[in-house]
N, C-alpha and C. Protein backbone atom coordinates (compact mmCIF):
# COMPACT_ATOMS: atom_id res chain seq x y z
N UNK A 1 13.40 20.14 -7.04
CA UNK A 1 12.10 19.68 -6.82
C UNK A 1 12.28 20.35 -5.23
N UNK A 2 10.91 20.85 -4.82
CA UNK A 2 10.65 21.25 -3.29
C UNK A 2 9.94 20.63 -2.37
N UNK A 3 9.70 20.88 -1.36
CA UNK A 3 9.20 19.94 -0.15
C UNK A 3 8.10 21.24 0.34
N UNK A 4 6.81 20.92 0.19
CA UNK A 4 5.82 21.65 0.76
C UNK A 4 6.01 21.45 2.57
N UNK A 5 6.10 22.95 2.98
CA UNK A 5 6.10 22.75 4.47
C UNK A 5 4.97 23.48 5.11
N UNK A 6 4.71 22.96 6.41
CA UNK A 6 3.30 23.65 6.78
C UNK A 6 3.49 25.12 6.71
N UNK A 7 2.48 25.98 6.45
CA UNK A 7 2.52 27.24 6.36
C UNK A 7 2.67 27.76 5.04
N UNK A 8 2.54 26.81 3.73
CA UNK A 8 3.06 26.82 2.68
C UNK A 8 4.25 27.28 1.73
N UNK A 9 5.27 27.35 2.82
CA UNK A 9 6.62 27.20 2.05
C UNK A 9 6.55 26.27 1.67
N UNK A 10 8.17 26.45 0.47
CA UNK A 10 9.07 25.38 0.31
C UNK A 10 10.27 25.03 0.62
N UNK A 11 10.78 24.27 -0.10
CA UNK A 11 12.36 24.00 0.31
C UNK A 11 13.00 23.10 -0.47
N UNK A 12 14.36 23.66 -1.40
CA UNK A 12 14.57 22.70 -2.35
C UNK A 12 15.25 21.24 -2.03
N UNK A 13 14.91 20.45 -2.58
CA UNK A 13 15.18 19.17 -1.99
C UNK A 13 16.48 19.00 -1.86
N UNK A 14 17.35 19.66 -2.48
CA UNK A 14 18.79 19.28 -2.61
C UNK A 14 19.48 20.02 -1.70
N UNK A 15 18.70 21.08 -1.49
CA UNK A 15 19.21 22.02 -0.33
C UNK A 15 18.97 21.29 1.33
N UNK A 16 17.85 21.06 1.41
CA UNK A 16 17.40 20.27 2.47
C UNK A 16 17.94 18.73 2.80
N UNK A 17 18.50 18.19 1.89
CA UNK A 17 19.36 16.93 1.72
C UNK A 17 20.65 17.03 2.23
N UNK A 18 21.27 18.49 1.94
CA UNK A 18 22.59 18.93 2.36
C UNK A 18 22.61 19.06 3.99
N UNK A 19 21.44 19.89 4.42
CA UNK A 19 21.32 20.41 5.86
C UNK A 19 20.82 18.85 6.20
N UNK A 20 20.60 17.88 6.30
CA UNK A 20 20.27 16.48 6.64
C UNK A 20 21.52 16.35 6.98
N UNK A 21 22.32 16.20 6.07
CA UNK A 21 23.51 15.32 5.89
C UNK A 21 24.77 16.14 6.81
N UNK A 22 24.51 17.29 7.04
CA UNK A 22 25.24 18.00 7.80
C UNK A 22 24.74 18.21 9.23
N UNK A 23 23.47 17.04 9.58
CA UNK A 23 23.12 17.15 11.21
C UNK A 23 22.28 18.33 11.32
N UNK A 24 21.69 18.93 10.43
CA UNK A 24 20.73 20.31 11.13
C UNK A 24 19.37 19.53 11.59
N UNK A 25 19.33 19.78 12.53
CA UNK A 25 18.19 19.25 13.25
C UNK A 25 16.81 19.89 12.99
N UNK A 26 16.92 21.45 12.28
CA UNK A 26 15.90 22.23 11.96
C UNK A 26 15.24 21.19 10.47
N UNK A 27 16.71 21.00 9.70
CA UNK A 27 16.15 20.15 8.14
C UNK A 27 15.34 18.72 8.61
N UNK A 28 15.61 18.40 9.72
CA UNK A 28 14.88 17.17 9.94
C UNK A 28 13.44 17.18 10.30
N UNK A 29 13.19 18.14 11.44
CA UNK A 29 11.96 18.90 11.46
C UNK A 29 11.04 19.18 10.57
N UNK A 30 11.81 19.88 9.38
CA UNK A 30 10.93 20.08 8.24
C UNK A 30 10.41 18.99 7.68
N UNK A 31 11.59 17.95 7.44
CA UNK A 31 11.44 16.69 6.60
C UNK A 31 10.48 15.87 7.32
N UNK A 32 9.96 16.03 8.69
CA UNK A 32 8.89 15.45 9.52
C UNK A 32 7.63 16.06 9.36
N UNK A 33 7.57 17.08 9.19
CA UNK A 33 6.16 17.96 8.56
C UNK A 33 5.77 17.78 7.65
N UNK A 34 6.86 17.56 6.46
CA UNK A 34 6.26 17.85 5.09
C UNK A 34 5.99 16.35 4.92
N UNK A 35 6.50 15.25 5.41
CA UNK A 35 6.71 14.11 5.10
C UNK A 35 5.86 13.24 5.73
N UNK A 36 5.50 13.32 6.75
CA UNK A 36 5.12 12.49 8.14
C UNK A 36 3.66 12.22 8.03
N UNK A 37 2.81 13.04 7.24
CA UNK A 37 1.49 12.53 7.13
C UNK A 37 1.27 11.12 6.14
N UNK A 38 1.77 11.87 4.78
CA UNK A 38 1.91 10.91 3.93
C UNK A 38 2.39 9.56 4.17
N UNK A 39 3.49 9.23 5.04
CA UNK A 39 4.07 7.85 5.43
C UNK A 39 3.29 7.84 6.29
N UNK A 40 2.35 8.03 7.29
CA UNK A 40 1.29 7.45 8.36
C UNK A 40 0.25 7.14 7.71
N UNK A 41 -0.41 7.71 6.62
CA UNK A 41 -1.18 6.96 5.61
C UNK A 41 -0.89 5.89 5.11
N UNK A 42 0.34 5.94 4.37
CA UNK A 42 1.08 4.30 3.83
C UNK A 42 0.80 3.57 4.91
N UNK A 43 1.39 3.62 5.83
CA UNK A 43 1.47 2.64 7.15
C UNK A 43 0.22 2.44 8.01
N UNK A 44 -0.56 3.26 7.73
CA UNK A 44 -2.21 2.94 8.38
C UNK A 44 -2.87 2.02 7.22
N UNK A 45 -2.55 1.79 6.02
CA UNK A 45 -2.92 1.18 5.02
C UNK A 45 -2.74 -0.22 5.13
N UNK A 46 -1.46 -0.38 5.51
CA UNK A 46 -0.87 -1.71 5.61
C UNK A 46 -1.25 -2.18 6.80
N UNK A 47 -1.40 -1.51 7.98
CA UNK A 47 -1.44 -2.31 9.29
C UNK A 47 -2.61 -2.28 9.95
N UNK A 48 -3.16 -1.35 9.66
CA UNK A 48 -4.86 -1.10 10.04
C UNK A 48 -5.09 -1.12 11.18
N UNK A 49 -3.92 -0.41 12.00
CA UNK A 49 -3.58 -0.48 13.45
C UNK A 49 -3.18 1.41 13.81
N UNK A 50 -3.47 2.09 14.23
CA UNK A 50 -3.30 3.48 13.99
C UNK A 50 -2.16 3.69 14.76
N UNK A 51 -1.82 3.11 16.15
CA UNK A 51 -0.55 2.91 17.05
C UNK A 51 0.64 2.09 16.48
N UNK A 52 0.35 0.88 15.59
CA UNK A 52 1.16 0.26 15.11
C UNK A 52 1.93 1.24 13.98
N UNK A 53 0.99 1.81 13.15
CA UNK A 53 1.36 2.53 12.29
C UNK A 53 2.50 3.87 12.75
N UNK A 54 2.02 4.64 13.47
CA UNK A 54 2.98 5.82 14.36
C UNK A 54 4.29 5.17 14.66
N UNK A 55 4.16 3.92 15.49
CA UNK A 55 5.43 3.22 15.83
C UNK A 55 6.46 3.09 14.36
N UNK A 56 5.84 2.68 13.20
CA UNK A 56 6.42 2.43 11.90
C UNK A 56 6.89 3.35 11.51
N UNK A 57 6.30 4.51 11.30
CA UNK A 57 6.69 6.04 10.92
C UNK A 57 7.80 6.41 11.61
N UNK A 58 7.95 6.44 13.30
CA UNK A 58 8.72 6.99 14.04
C UNK A 58 10.06 5.92 13.38
N UNK A 59 9.86 4.88 13.59
CA UNK A 59 11.03 3.73 12.98
C UNK A 59 11.78 4.31 11.64
N UNK A 60 10.51 4.37 10.59
CA UNK A 60 11.09 4.70 9.30
C UNK A 60 11.95 5.98 9.18
N UNK A 61 11.94 6.91 10.06
CA UNK A 61 12.29 8.38 10.34
C UNK A 61 13.65 8.08 10.94
N UNK A 62 13.74 7.19 11.76
CA UNK A 62 15.11 7.05 12.49
C UNK A 62 15.96 6.15 11.28
N UNK A 63 15.48 5.08 10.94
CA UNK A 63 16.46 4.69 9.79
C UNK A 63 16.94 5.47 8.69
N UNK A 64 15.60 6.27 8.56
CA UNK A 64 16.58 7.38 6.98
C UNK A 64 17.35 8.11 7.91
N UNK A 65 17.31 8.46 8.86
CA UNK A 65 18.20 9.52 9.51
C UNK A 65 19.57 8.57 9.49
N UNK A 66 19.78 7.27 10.25
CA UNK A 66 21.01 6.24 10.16
C UNK A 66 21.60 6.25 8.56
N UNK A 67 20.28 6.51 7.74
CA UNK A 67 21.03 5.68 6.48
C UNK A 67 20.68 7.02 4.94
N UNK A 68 21.14 8.27 5.71
CA UNK A 68 21.02 9.23 4.81
C UNK A 68 22.23 9.40 3.67
N UNK A 69 23.16 8.79 3.57
CA UNK A 69 24.44 8.84 2.72
C UNK A 69 23.86 7.81 1.94
N UNK A 70 22.96 6.70 1.81
CA UNK A 70 22.57 5.72 0.95
C UNK A 70 21.50 6.36 0.22
N UNK A 71 21.47 7.86 0.04
CA UNK A 71 20.33 7.75 -0.64
C UNK A 71 20.63 8.40 -1.89
N UNK A 72 20.13 7.96 -2.88
CA UNK A 72 20.24 8.38 -4.25
C UNK A 72 19.30 9.56 -4.92
N UNK A 73 19.90 10.75 -5.16
CA UNK A 73 19.06 11.30 -5.84
C UNK A 73 18.05 11.49 -6.91
N UNK A 74 18.43 10.06 -7.91
CA UNK A 74 17.50 9.76 -8.84
C UNK A 74 15.98 9.80 -8.28
N UNK A 75 15.69 9.48 -7.06
CA UNK A 75 14.17 9.48 -6.41
C UNK A 75 14.15 10.24 -5.61
N UNK A 76 13.15 10.65 -5.09
CA UNK A 76 12.61 12.13 -4.73
C UNK A 76 13.07 11.67 -3.08
N UNK A 77 13.28 12.14 -2.04
CA UNK A 77 13.09 12.10 -0.44
C UNK A 77 11.62 11.08 -0.03
N UNK A 78 10.93 11.80 -0.74
CA UNK A 78 9.38 11.39 -0.43
C UNK A 78 9.00 9.77 -0.80
N UNK A 79 9.56 9.53 -1.98
CA UNK A 79 9.43 8.29 -2.50
C UNK A 79 10.45 7.36 -1.81
N UNK A 80 11.54 7.99 -1.33
CA UNK A 80 12.47 6.80 -0.51
C UNK A 80 11.93 6.72 0.74
N UNK A 81 11.50 7.56 1.53
CA UNK A 81 10.70 7.61 2.79
C UNK A 81 9.68 6.35 2.66
N UNK A 82 8.86 6.52 1.89
CA UNK A 82 7.91 5.75 1.41
C UNK A 82 8.20 4.02 1.06
N UNK A 83 9.56 4.03 0.62
CA UNK A 83 9.99 2.58 0.68
C UNK A 83 10.03 2.08 2.25
N UNK A 84 11.24 3.17 2.68
CA UNK A 84 11.51 2.57 4.24
C UNK A 84 10.11 2.71 5.03
N UNK A 85 9.19 3.12 4.79
CA UNK A 85 7.86 2.97 5.65
C UNK A 85 7.22 1.66 5.37
N UNK A 86 7.41 1.60 4.13
CA UNK A 86 6.74 -0.06 3.66
C UNK A 86 7.14 -0.87 4.23
N UNK A 87 8.90 -0.84 4.02
CA UNK A 87 9.44 -1.96 4.74
C UNK A 87 9.50 -2.18 6.31
N UNK A 88 9.50 -0.88 6.69
CA UNK A 88 9.08 -0.92 8.47
C UNK A 88 8.02 -1.73 8.78
N UNK A 89 6.72 -1.57 7.88
CA UNK A 89 5.67 -1.90 8.11
C UNK A 89 5.46 -3.69 7.87
N UNK A 90 6.43 -4.01 6.91
CA UNK A 90 6.16 -5.70 6.29
C UNK A 90 7.15 -6.05 7.15
N UNK A 91 8.27 -5.47 8.18
CA UNK A 91 8.62 -6.10 9.37
C UNK A 91 8.45 -6.45 10.22
N UNK A 92 7.56 -5.49 10.89
CA UNK A 92 6.49 -5.48 11.86
C UNK A 92 5.48 -6.75 11.70
N UNK A 93 5.24 -6.76 10.38
CA UNK A 93 4.15 -8.16 9.96
C UNK A 93 4.84 -9.64 10.23
N UNK A 94 6.18 -9.57 9.39
CA UNK A 94 6.62 -10.84 9.51
C UNK A 94 7.22 -11.15 10.80
N UNK A 95 7.60 -9.62 11.79
CA UNK A 95 7.65 -10.42 13.31
C UNK A 95 6.63 -11.12 13.86
N UNK A 96 5.38 -10.64 13.77
CA UNK A 96 4.24 -11.14 14.36
C UNK A 96 3.76 -12.13 13.22
N UNK A 97 4.44 -12.65 12.48
CA UNK A 97 3.70 -13.72 11.45
C UNK A 97 2.75 -13.16 10.69
N UNK A 98 2.51 -11.98 10.38
CA UNK A 98 1.24 -11.42 9.70
C UNK A 98 1.02 -11.77 8.08
N UNK A 99 2.52 -11.82 7.39
CA UNK A 99 2.80 -12.61 6.29
C UNK A 99 2.86 -13.89 5.53
N UNK A 100 2.33 -14.68 6.57
CA UNK A 100 2.66 -16.02 6.44
C UNK A 100 1.64 -16.28 5.33
N UNK A 101 1.94 -17.06 4.65
CA UNK A 101 0.43 -17.77 3.49
C UNK A 101 -0.71 -18.46 4.38
N UNK A 102 -1.72 -17.83 4.09
CA UNK A 102 -3.03 -18.04 4.17
C UNK A 102 -3.69 -18.82 3.22
N UNK A 103 -5.03 -19.36 3.32
CA UNK A 103 -5.56 -19.56 2.41
C UNK A 103 -6.81 -18.59 1.94
N UNK A 104 -6.66 -18.62 0.25
CA UNK A 104 -7.84 -17.58 -0.09
C UNK A 104 -8.87 -18.19 -1.00
N UNK A 105 -8.67 -19.52 -0.53
CA UNK A 105 -9.66 -20.24 -1.56
C UNK A 105 -11.21 -19.87 -1.62
N UNK A 106 -11.48 -19.31 -0.30
CA UNK A 106 -12.85 -19.46 -0.53
C UNK A 106 -13.31 -17.91 -0.95
N UNK A 107 -12.54 -17.15 -1.24
CA UNK A 107 -12.68 -15.74 -1.48
C UNK A 107 -12.52 -15.79 -3.25
N UNK A 108 -11.85 -17.01 -4.15
CA UNK A 108 -11.88 -17.18 -5.25
C UNK A 108 -13.06 -17.57 -6.01
N UNK A 109 -13.53 -16.93 -7.30
CA UNK A 109 -14.39 -17.34 -7.80
C UNK A 109 -14.38 -19.14 -8.09
N UNK A 110 -15.34 -19.88 -8.20
CA UNK A 110 -15.86 -21.47 -8.36
C UNK A 110 -15.98 -21.25 -9.71
N UNK A 111 -15.36 -22.67 -10.40
CA UNK A 111 -16.16 -22.87 -11.76
C UNK A 111 -16.25 -24.45 -11.76
N UNK A 112 -17.31 -24.89 -12.70
CA UNK A 112 -17.51 -26.52 -12.66
C UNK A 112 -16.62 -27.16 -13.71
N UNK A 113 -16.78 -28.52 -13.99
CA UNK A 113 -16.16 -29.34 -14.50
C UNK A 113 -16.16 -28.95 -15.83
N UNK A 114 -17.05 -28.32 -16.36
CA UNK A 114 -17.16 -27.59 -17.66
C UNK A 114 -16.63 -26.23 -17.86
N UNK A 115 -15.85 -25.85 -16.58
CA UNK A 115 -15.42 -24.52 -16.74
C UNK A 115 -15.92 -23.31 -16.87
N UNK A 116 -17.15 -23.56 -16.77
CA UNK A 116 -18.28 -22.45 -16.63
C UNK A 116 -18.31 -21.84 -14.90
N UNK A 117 -18.18 -20.59 -15.02
CA UNK A 117 -18.30 -19.84 -13.66
C UNK A 117 -19.26 -20.29 -12.85
N UNK A 118 -19.48 -20.90 -11.60
CA UNK A 118 -20.69 -21.12 -10.79
C UNK A 118 -20.61 -19.80 -10.03
N UNK A 119 -22.17 -19.55 -9.91
CA UNK A 119 -22.70 -18.48 -9.30
C UNK A 119 -22.41 -17.15 -9.64
N UNK A 120 -22.22 -17.29 -11.37
CA UNK A 120 -21.98 -15.90 -12.00
C UNK A 120 -23.09 -15.05 -11.58
N UNK A 121 -22.51 -13.35 -11.69
CA UNK A 121 -23.98 -13.01 -11.17
C UNK A 121 -25.03 -12.58 -12.51
N UNK A 122 -26.46 -12.65 -12.50
CA UNK A 122 -27.06 -12.38 -13.58
C UNK A 122 -27.92 -11.19 -13.88
N UNK A 123 -27.79 -10.47 -12.77
CA UNK A 123 -28.14 -9.42 -12.52
C UNK A 123 -28.25 -8.44 -13.56
N UNK A 124 -28.73 -7.65 -13.67
CA UNK A 124 -28.73 -6.22 -15.01
C UNK A 124 -27.13 -5.77 -14.85
N UNK A 125 -26.59 -5.56 -15.67
CA UNK A 125 -25.14 -4.72 -15.31
C UNK A 125 -25.38 -3.40 -15.40
N UNK A 126 -24.88 -2.45 -14.19
CA UNK A 126 -25.20 -0.73 -14.36
C UNK A 126 -24.01 -0.22 -14.22
N UNK A 127 -23.90 0.86 -14.67
CA UNK A 127 -22.72 1.79 -14.66
C UNK A 127 -22.59 1.70 -13.14
N UNK A 128 -21.47 1.83 -12.16
CA UNK A 128 -21.83 1.95 -10.94
C UNK A 128 -21.97 3.41 -10.39
N UNK A 129 -21.42 4.18 -11.22
CA UNK A 129 -21.66 5.90 -11.24
C UNK A 129 -22.69 6.18 -11.18
N UNK A 130 -24.05 5.36 -11.31
CA UNK A 130 -25.29 5.65 -11.71
C UNK A 130 -25.99 5.19 -9.85
N UNK A 131 -24.95 4.09 -9.36
CA UNK A 131 -25.44 3.80 -7.84
C UNK A 131 -24.84 4.68 -6.72
N UNK A 132 -23.65 4.74 -7.33
CA UNK A 132 -23.02 5.41 -5.98
C UNK A 132 -21.63 6.38 -6.52
N UNK A 133 -21.45 7.59 -5.50
CA UNK A 133 -20.73 8.29 -5.81
C UNK A 133 -19.18 7.70 -5.79
N UNK A 134 -18.43 8.65 -6.54
CA UNK A 134 -16.73 7.78 -6.88
C UNK A 134 -16.21 7.49 -5.65
N UNK A 135 -16.58 8.66 -4.51
CA UNK A 135 -15.94 8.45 -3.48
C UNK A 135 -16.56 7.00 -2.58
N UNK A 136 -17.56 6.90 -2.60
CA UNK A 136 -18.68 5.86 -2.12
C UNK A 136 -18.09 4.28 -2.60
N UNK A 137 -17.69 4.29 -3.70
CA UNK A 137 -17.24 3.47 -4.27
C UNK A 137 -15.44 3.13 -4.11
N UNK A 138 -14.99 4.11 -3.80
CA UNK A 138 -13.16 3.76 -3.25
C UNK A 138 -13.28 3.47 -2.22
N UNK A 139 -14.40 3.66 -0.94
CA UNK A 139 -14.33 3.20 -0.12
C UNK A 139 -14.92 1.58 0.10
N UNK A 140 -15.96 1.56 -0.56
CA UNK A 140 -16.05 0.52 -1.08
C UNK A 140 -14.93 -0.67 -1.24
N UNK A 141 -14.38 -0.43 -2.26
CA UNK A 141 -13.29 -1.07 -2.57
C UNK A 141 -12.13 -1.50 -1.72
N UNK A 142 -11.91 -0.14 -1.29
CA UNK A 142 -10.88 -0.17 0.01
C UNK A 142 -11.08 -1.25 0.91
N UNK A 143 -12.48 -1.46 1.41
CA UNK A 143 -13.01 -2.10 2.27
C UNK A 143 -13.17 -3.50 2.12
N UNK A 144 -13.30 -3.89 0.75
CA UNK A 144 -13.10 -5.48 0.11
C UNK A 144 -11.64 -5.90 -0.05
N UNK A 145 -10.48 -4.80 -0.02
CA UNK A 145 -9.19 -5.01 -0.42
C UNK A 145 -8.74 -5.63 1.32
N UNK A 146 -9.35 -5.08 2.16
CA UNK A 146 -9.22 -5.31 3.44
C UNK A 146 -9.39 -6.67 3.89
N UNK A 147 -10.41 -7.30 3.29
CA UNK A 147 -11.16 -8.38 3.90
C UNK A 147 -9.97 -9.26 3.41
N UNK A 148 -8.97 -9.11 2.01
CA UNK A 148 -7.97 -10.24 1.73
C UNK A 148 -6.89 -10.56 2.87
N UNK A 149 -6.46 -11.83 3.19
CA UNK A 149 -5.59 -12.26 4.02
C UNK A 149 -4.21 -11.25 3.49
N UNK A 150 -3.57 -11.05 4.67
CA UNK A 150 -2.76 -10.10 4.64
C UNK A 150 -1.46 -10.22 3.75
N UNK A 151 -1.07 -11.54 3.28
CA UNK A 151 -0.18 -11.75 2.48
C UNK A 151 -0.69 -11.42 1.02
N UNK A 152 -1.71 -11.52 0.57
CA UNK A 152 -2.33 -11.11 -0.63
C UNK A 152 -2.49 -9.33 -0.75
N UNK A 153 -3.15 -8.87 0.32
CA UNK A 153 -3.53 -7.80 0.58
C UNK A 153 -2.18 -6.60 0.30
N UNK A 154 -1.08 -7.21 0.90
CA UNK A 154 0.00 -6.40 0.98
C UNK A 154 0.36 -6.56 -0.43
N UNK A 155 0.49 -7.71 -0.84
CA UNK A 155 1.10 -8.22 -2.72
C UNK A 155 0.06 -7.08 -3.75
N UNK A 156 -1.10 -7.21 -3.60
CA UNK A 156 -1.70 -5.77 -4.16
C UNK A 156 -1.82 -4.75 -4.03
N UNK A 157 -1.53 -4.14 -2.56
CA UNK A 157 -1.09 -2.64 -2.68
C UNK A 157 0.04 -2.62 -2.94
N UNK A 158 1.19 -3.06 -2.77
CA UNK A 158 2.60 -2.81 -3.23
C UNK A 158 2.41 -2.63 -4.83
N UNK A 159 2.02 -3.69 -5.59
CA UNK A 159 1.95 -3.79 -6.97
C UNK A 159 0.41 -2.99 -7.94
N UNK A 160 -0.20 -3.06 -7.50
CA UNK A 160 -1.33 -2.07 -7.83
C UNK A 160 -1.80 -0.68 -7.35
N UNK A 161 -1.34 -0.54 -6.03
CA UNK A 161 -1.67 0.72 -5.80
C UNK A 161 -0.16 1.79 -5.47
N UNK A 162 0.43 1.19 -4.72
CA UNK A 162 1.52 1.79 -4.58
C UNK A 162 2.61 1.45 -6.11
N UNK A 163 2.65 1.27 -6.71
CA UNK A 163 3.36 1.12 -7.89
C UNK A 163 4.63 0.54 -8.03
N UNK A 164 4.90 -0.57 -7.02
CA UNK A 164 5.89 -1.45 -7.13
C UNK A 164 6.40 -1.95 -8.19
N UNK A 165 7.53 -2.20 -8.92
CA UNK A 165 7.76 -3.44 -9.70
C UNK A 165 7.52 -4.95 -9.03
N UNK A 166 7.17 -5.93 -10.15
CA UNK A 166 7.16 -7.36 -9.57
C UNK A 166 8.35 -7.86 -8.95
N UNK A 167 9.40 -7.20 -8.86
CA UNK A 167 10.90 -7.69 -8.52
C UNK A 167 11.08 -6.59 -7.14
N UNK A 168 10.38 -5.14 -7.16
CA UNK A 168 10.23 -4.86 -5.80
C UNK A 168 9.46 -4.96 -5.14
N UNK A 169 8.16 -5.25 -5.00
CA UNK A 169 7.09 -5.83 -4.08
C UNK A 169 7.71 -7.19 -3.77
N UNK A 170 8.63 -8.16 -4.53
CA UNK A 170 8.89 -9.42 -3.90
C UNK A 170 9.80 -9.19 -3.02
N UNK A 171 10.91 -8.12 -3.39
CA UNK A 171 11.73 -7.97 -2.38
C UNK A 171 11.35 -7.63 -0.97
N UNK A 172 10.55 -6.51 -1.16
CA UNK A 172 9.92 -5.82 -0.04
C UNK A 172 9.26 -6.96 0.95
N UNK A 173 8.58 -8.06 0.03
CA UNK A 173 8.21 -9.24 0.86
C UNK A 173 8.74 -10.23 1.40
N UNK A 174 10.03 -9.83 1.13
CA UNK A 174 10.56 -11.20 1.27
C UNK A 174 10.33 -12.38 0.61
N UNK A 175 9.83 -12.44 -0.60
CA UNK A 175 9.29 -13.80 -1.21
C UNK A 175 9.93 -13.70 -2.36
N UNK A 176 10.20 -14.57 -3.66
CA UNK A 176 10.05 -14.93 -5.26
C UNK A 176 9.43 -14.43 -5.95
N UNK A 177 9.64 -13.91 -6.93
CA UNK A 177 9.13 -13.16 -7.86
C UNK A 177 7.73 -13.85 -8.25
N UNK A 178 8.22 -15.38 -8.72
CA UNK A 178 7.15 -16.24 -8.77
C UNK A 178 6.29 -16.49 -7.73
N UNK A 179 6.45 -16.54 -6.66
CA UNK A 179 5.39 -16.21 -5.65
C UNK A 179 4.32 -15.19 -5.48
N UNK A 180 5.14 -13.70 -6.01
CA UNK A 180 4.58 -12.72 -5.89
C UNK A 180 3.35 -12.68 -7.02
N UNK A 181 3.90 -13.19 -7.99
CA UNK A 181 2.91 -13.30 -9.16
C UNK A 181 1.62 -14.05 -8.76
N UNK A 182 1.74 -15.11 -8.07
CA UNK A 182 0.87 -16.22 -7.96
C UNK A 182 -0.09 -15.55 -7.35
N UNK A 183 0.72 -15.03 -5.82
CA UNK A 183 -0.30 -13.87 -5.14
C UNK A 183 -1.11 -12.81 -5.62
N UNK A 184 -0.40 -12.23 -6.40
CA UNK A 184 -1.25 -11.21 -7.12
C UNK A 184 -2.49 -11.84 -7.88
N UNK A 185 -2.17 -12.61 -8.82
CA UNK A 185 -2.91 -13.14 -9.61
C UNK A 185 -4.27 -13.75 -8.66
N UNK A 186 -4.34 -14.45 -7.51
CA UNK A 186 -4.79 -14.70 -6.77
C UNK A 186 -5.95 -13.63 -5.84
N UNK A 187 -5.03 -12.47 -5.87
CA UNK A 187 -5.85 -11.57 -4.85
C UNK A 187 -6.72 -11.09 -5.82
N UNK A 188 -6.26 -10.58 -7.08
CA UNK A 188 -6.91 -9.71 -7.87
C UNK A 188 -8.23 -10.45 -8.23
N UNK A 189 -8.10 -12.11 -8.79
CA UNK A 189 -9.27 -12.58 -9.03
C UNK A 189 -10.22 -12.82 -7.54
N UNK A 190 -9.63 -12.70 -6.35
CA UNK A 190 -10.57 -12.51 -5.13
C UNK A 190 -11.24 -11.21 -5.05
N UNK A 191 -10.49 -9.91 -5.32
CA UNK A 191 -10.97 -8.85 -5.31
C UNK A 191 -11.99 -8.78 -6.32
N UNK A 192 -11.85 -9.22 -7.42
CA UNK A 192 -13.08 -9.12 -8.13
C UNK A 192 -14.59 -9.71 -7.81
N UNK A 193 -14.12 -10.90 -7.38
CA UNK A 193 -15.50 -11.54 -6.51
C UNK A 193 -16.11 -10.53 -5.99
N UNK A 194 -15.27 -10.17 -4.73
CA UNK A 194 -15.73 -9.14 -3.36
C UNK A 194 -16.54 -8.21 -3.82
N UNK A 195 -15.73 -7.66 -5.06
CA UNK A 195 -16.85 -6.11 -5.21
C UNK A 195 -17.78 -6.62 -6.55
N UNK A 196 -18.10 -7.90 -6.80
CA UNK A 196 -19.40 -8.15 -7.53
C UNK A 196 -20.64 -7.14 -7.09
N UNK A 197 -20.79 -6.98 -5.68
CA UNK A 197 -22.14 -6.50 -5.61
C UNK A 197 -22.41 -5.14 -6.24
N UNK A 198 -21.04 -4.69 -6.03
CA UNK A 198 -20.97 -2.82 -6.63
C UNK A 198 -21.50 -3.38 -7.99
N UNK A 199 -21.53 -4.08 -8.87
CA UNK A 199 -22.09 -4.18 -10.76
C UNK A 199 -23.34 -4.89 -10.44
N UNK A 200 -23.99 -5.37 -9.19
CA UNK A 200 -25.10 -5.95 -9.46
C UNK A 200 -26.34 -4.98 -9.45
N UNK A 201 -27.67 -5.30 -9.84
CA UNK A 201 -28.74 -4.32 -10.00
C UNK A 201 -28.98 -3.73 -8.82
N UNK A 202 -29.03 -4.23 -7.27
CA UNK A 202 -28.96 -3.84 -6.00
C UNK A 202 -27.97 -3.17 -5.65
N UNK A 203 -26.95 -2.60 -6.14
CA UNK A 203 -25.91 -1.72 -5.73
C UNK A 203 -25.44 -2.39 -4.26
N UNK A 204 -24.85 -1.61 -3.52
CA UNK A 204 -24.43 -2.37 -2.43
C UNK A 204 -25.37 -1.41 -1.14
């Protein structure tokens, strides 16, 4: 595997890793240039604060530098750095108590005593592509995800967007797998309700 570096050049990942472990400062600069942008994007999605995201990326690179010997070549360097970045962000959120369990009930669908959905939209359903471009749809959905409480938003992002397994997401968040599954189920239900305007006749 090669890493793309500014200027269109590439470097074999195995060779780069060997240089990193040998303490080659130039190799670390290449790593920062090739992976820093994607790491910052991940941190921004989680923290929604540019300054905090930049701090976490810096912490992630420092952590990676300290723990190079633990890297297993089965995964790519990029994937490894992604996980370190996520962990740095979650540690910061736990420090500021942003991952504490909070109520999501007001965002969930409601059902009456007969089990029928209350407030089910009756408007004509249209293909959202007829109403909005795919880019606008992504922005709309991303904005709705950001309305979820942090603990639910991060569970959804790790599992459904970043591709973590249930076990990996639970470990990253410091909660039991059962608790992660509950959060994920409720987050998905809340998100489904939040994006209903996208499917209604009037659009968004």
